[in-house]
Amino acid sequence: MLSNIKAYFGFGVGLSLVVSLLFNYSQSQVNENLSTQLITSNLSVKSLTAKNQALDNQMQALLLDRDVAQQAADENQREVLKLRRDALVKVKEVRTVIQHEDCYSRPLPDNVIKRMHYN
């Protein structure tokens, strides 16, 4: 009877050892797969981070270009307004100077009016 118990115990230990080895092998395969996936994921994250940084740099450059273009447009608009004010002043000066001339009461030809258009 004691020899049967020893045999069963030995068989149980052996079976436990085999099951343990199979489980360890299975876990090592899972660990290898997960390690490979982690490496791939890290490479993807690094690649996406680099792309994100490049897009950020491009965005900053575009924002700077936009700001420069807006400043140029604002300056252009100020210049146009100044030229219009100057044109109005000149028209008033011309009208003041010619107001006592005999041509003052005569209408200007259409081609002259088109050239004097300042609005």
C-alpha atoms as a PDB file:
ATOM      1  CA  MET A   1       0.000   0.000   0.000  1.00  0.00           C
ATOM      2  CA  LEU A   2       2.823   2.415   0.864  1.00  0.00           C
ATOM      3  CA  SER A   3       4.414   1.653  -2.471  1.00  0.00           C
ATOM      4  CA  ASN A   4       1.108   2.500  -4.208  1.00  0.00           C
ATOM      5  CA  ILE A   5       0.979   5.819  -2.387  1.00  0.00           C
ATOM      6  CA  LYS A   6       4.592   6.509  -3.368  1.00  0.00           C
ATOM      7  CA  ALA A   7       3.787   5.606  -6.968  1.00  0.00           C
ATOM      8  CA  TYR A   8       0.721   7.823  -7.030  1.00  0.00           C
ATOM      9  CA  PHE A   9       2.642  10.598  -5.342  1.00  0.00           C
ATOM     10  CA  GLY A  10       5.511  10.227  -7.825  1.00  0.00           C
ATOM     11  CA  PHE A  11       3.040  10.151 -10.698  1.00  0.00           C
ATOM     12  CA  GLY A  12       1.291  13.257  -9.283  1.00  0.00           C
ATOM     13  CA  VAL A  13       4.594  15.112  -8.877  1.00  0.00           C
ATOM     14  CA  GLY A  14       5.664  14.128 -12.384  1.00  0.00           C
ATOM     15  CA  LEU A  15       2.348  15.163 -13.832  1.00  0.00           C
ATOM     16  CA  SER A  16       2.520  18.447 -11.923  1.00  0.00           C
ATOM     17  CA  LEU A  17       6.037  18.999 -13.261  1.00  0.00           C
ATOM     18  CA  VAL A  18       4.946  18.330 -16.844  1.00  0.00           C
ATOM     19  CA  VAL A  19       1.907  20.617 -16.491  1.00  0.00           C
ATOM     20  CA  SER A  20       4.101  23.275 -14.902  1.00  0.00           C
ATOM     21  CA  LEU A  21       6.655  23.043 -17.721  1.00  0.00           C
ATOM     22  CA  LEU A  22       3.928  23.263 -20.366  1.00  0.00           C
ATOM     23  CA  PHE A  23       2.379  26.253 -18.598  1.00  0.00           C
ATOM     24  CA  ASN A  24       5.812  27.960 -18.296  1.00  0.00           C
ATOM     25  CA  TYR A  25       6.485  27.350 -21.987  1.00  0.00           C
ATOM     26  CA  SER A  26       3.078  28.766 -22.872  1.00  0.00           C
ATOM     27  CA  GLN A  27       3.703  31.831 -20.705  1.00  0.00           C
ATOM     28  CA  SER A  28       7.141  32.382 -22.253  1.00  0.00           C
ATOM     29  CA  GLN A  29       5.524  32.355 -25.710  1.00  0.00           C
ATOM     30  CA  VAL A  30       2.900  34.849 -24.543  1.00  0.00           C
ATOM     31  CA  ASN A  31       5.671  37.017 -23.033  1.00  0.00           C
ATOM     32  CA  GLU A  32       7.627  36.927 -26.309  1.00  0.00           C
ATOM     33  CA  ASN A  33       4.536  37.943 -28.281  1.00  0.00           C
ATOM     34  CA  LEU A  34       3.739  40.741 -25.860  1.00  0.00           C
ATOM     35  CA  SER A  35       7.357  41.912 -25.924  1.00  0.00           C
ATOM     36  CA  THR A  36       7.291  42.038 -29.722  1.00  0.00           C
ATOM     37  CA  GLN A  37       4.010  43.949 -29.644  1.00  0.00           C
ATOM     38  CA  LEU A  38       5.454  46.380 -27.099  1.00  0.00           C
ATOM     39  CA  ILE A  39       8.511  47.041 -29.265  1.00  0.00           C
ATOM     40  CA  THR A  40       6.263  47.592 -32.296  1.00  0.00           C
ATOM     41  CA  SER A  41       3.995  49.893 -30.292  1.00  0.00           C
ATOM     42  CA  ASN A  42       6.975  51.890 -29.021  1.00  0.00           C
ATOM     43  CA  LEU A  43       8.259  52.327 -32.563  1.00  0.00           C
ATOM     44  CA  SER A  44       4.796  53.468 -33.673  1.00  0.00           C
ATOM     45  CA  VAL A  45       4.618  55.938 -30.797  1.00  0.00           C
ATOM     46  CA  LYS A  46       8.059  57.333 -31.684  1.00  0.00           C
ATOM     47  CA  SER A  47       7.066  57.637 -35.341  1.00  0.00           C
ATOM     48  CA  LEU A  48       3.787  59.358 -34.497  1.00  0.00           C
ATOM     49  CA  THR A  49       5.559  61.670 -32.065  1.00  0.00           C
ATOM     50  CA  ALA A  50       8.028  62.669 -34.782  1.00  0.00           C
ATOM     51  CA  LYS A  51       5.170  63.282 -37.243  1.00  0.00           C
ATOM     52  CA  ASN A  52       3.314  65.296 -34.614  1.00  0.00           C
ATOM     53  CA  GLN A  53       6.410  67.422 -33.983  1.00  0.00           C
ATOM     54  CA  ALA A  54       6.861  67.997 -37.727  1.00  0.00           C
ATOM     55  CA  LEU A  55       3.201  69.028 -38.044  1.00  0.00           C
ATOM     56  CA  ASP A  56       3.586  71.332 -35.048  1.00  0.00           C
ATOM     57  CA  ASN A  57       6.623  72.978 -36.655  1.00  0.00           C
ATOM     58  CA  GLN A  58       4.733  73.355 -39.922  1.00  0.00           C
ATOM     59  CA  MET A  59       1.754  74.834 -38.074  1.00  0.00           C
ATOM     60  CA  GLN A  60       3.966  77.344 -36.266  1.00  0.00           C
ATOM     61  CA  ALA A  61       5.528  78.384 -39.576  1.00  0.00           C
ATOM     62  CA  LEU A  62       2.079  78.805 -41.155  1.00  0.00           C
ATOM     63  CA  LEU A  63       0.877  80.869 -38.183  1.00  0.00           C
ATOM     64  CA  LEU A  64       3.943  83.097 -38.495  1.00  0.00           C
ATOM     65  CA  ASP A  65       3.324  83.489 -42.236  1.00  0.00           C
ATOM     66  CA  ARG A  66      -0.320  84.346 -41.509  1.00  0.00           C
ATOM     67  CA  ASP A  67       0.688  86.991 -38.985  1.00  0.00           C
ATOM     68  CA  VAL A  68       3.184  88.540 -41.402  1.00  0.00           C
ATOM     69  CA  ALA A  69       0.592  88.544 -44.199  1.00  0.00           C
ATOM     70  CA  GLN A  70      -1.996  90.125 -41.875  1.00  0.00           C
ATOM     71  CA  GLN A  71       0.447  92.870 -40.918  1.00  0.00           C
ATOM     72  CA  ALA A  72       1.177  93.522 -44.600  1.00  0.00           C
ATOM     73  CA  ALA A  73      -2.566  93.634 -45.377  1.00  0.00           C
ATOM     74  CA  ASP A  74      -3.163  96.035 -42.485  1.00  0.00           C
ATOM     75  CA  GLU A  75      -0.326  98.259 -43.653  1.00  0.00           C
ATOM     76  CA  ASN A  76      -1.693  98.179 -47.201  1.00  0.00           C
ATOM     77  CA  GLN A  77      -5.150  99.125 -45.945  1.00  0.00           C
ATOM     78  CA  ARG A  78      -3.707 102.042 -43.952  1.00  0.00           C
ATOM     79  CA  GLU A  79      -1.841 103.204 -47.050  1.00  0.00           C
ATOM     80  CA  VAL A  80      -5.004 103.006 -49.189  1.00  0.00           C
ATOM     81  CA  LEU A  81      -6.968 105.015 -46.609  1.00  0.00           C
ATOM     82  CA  LYS A  82      -4.193 107.603 -46.457  1.00  0.00           C
ATOM     83  CA  LEU A  83      -4.139 107.879 -50.256  1.00  0.00           C
ATOM     84  CA  ARG A  84      -7.914 108.307 -50.332  1.00  0.00           C
ATOM     85  CA  ARG A  85      -7.750 111.040 -47.695  1.00  0.00           C
ATOM     86  CA  ASP A  86      -4.964 112.734 -49.646  1.00  0.00           C
ATOM     87  CA  ALA A  87      -7.022 112.488 -52.841  1.00  0.00           C
ATOM     88  CA  LEU A  88     -10.024 114.095 -51.130  1.00  0.00           C
ATOM     89  CA  VAL A  89      -7.807 116.909 -49.854  1.00  0.00           C
ATOM     90  CA  LYS A  90      -6.394 117.455 -53.363  1.00  0.00           C
ATOM     91  CA  VAL A  91      -9.877 117.490 -54.887  1.00  0.00           C
ATOM     92  CA  LYS A  92     -10.974 120.093 -52.338  1.00  0.00           C
ATOM     93  CA  GLU A  93      -7.851 122.145 -53.064  1.00  0.00           C
ATOM     94  CA  VAL A  94      -8.474 121.984 -56.808  1.00  0.00           C
ATOM     95  CA  ARG A  95     -12.107 122.972 -56.355  1.00  0.00           C
ATOM     96  CA  THR A  96     -11.074 125.859 -54.139  1.00  0.00           C
ATOM     97  CA  VAL A  97      -8.512 127.050 -56.680  1.00  0.00           C
ATOM     98  CA  ILE A  98     -10.792 126.800 -59.704  1.00  0.00           C
ATOM     99  CA  GLN A  99     -13.930 127.982 -57.977  1.00  0.00           C
ATOM    100  CA  HIS A 100     -13.500 131.511 -59.354  1.00  0.00           C
ATOM    101  CA  GLU A 101     -12.552 130.342 -62.823  1.00  0.00           C
ATOM    102  CA  ASP A 102     -15.087 130.398 -65.613  1.00  0.00           C
ATOM    103  CA  CYS A 103     -14.675 126.665 -66.240  1.00  0.00           C
ATOM    104  CA  TYR A 104     -15.930 125.957 -62.729  1.00  0.00           C
ATOM    105  CA  SER A 105     -19.548 126.044 -63.756  1.00  0.00           C
ATOM    106  CA  ARG A 106     -19.025 123.807 -66.787  1.00  0.00           C
ATOM    107  CA  PRO A 107     -19.251 120.057 -66.326  1.00  0.00           C
ATOM    108  CA  LEU A 108     -16.072 118.039 -66.716  1.00  0.00           C
ATOM    109  CA  PRO A 109     -15.795 115.585 -69.597  1.00  0.00           C
ATOM    110  CA  ASP A 110     -16.527 111.945 -68.756  1.00  0.00           C
ATOM    111  CA  ASN A 111     -12.938 110.783 -69.340  1.00  0.00           C
ATOM    112  CA  VAL A 112     -11.675 113.351 -66.814  1.00  0.00           C
ATOM    113  CA  ILE A 113     -14.272 112.295 -64.258  1.00  0.00           C
ATOM    114  CA  LYS A 114     -13.235 108.642 -64.674  1.00  0.00           C
ATOM    115  CA  ARG A 115      -9.591 109.537 -63.996  1.00  0.00           C
ATOM    116  CA  MET A 116     -10.541 111.614 -60.946  1.00  0.00           C
ATOM    117  CA  HIS A 117     -12.636 108.859 -59.392  1.00  0.00           C
ATOM    118  CA  TYR A 118     -11.316 108.559 -55.828  1.00  0.00           C
ATOM    119  CA  ASN A 119     -14.017 106.601 -53.954  1.00  0.00           C
END
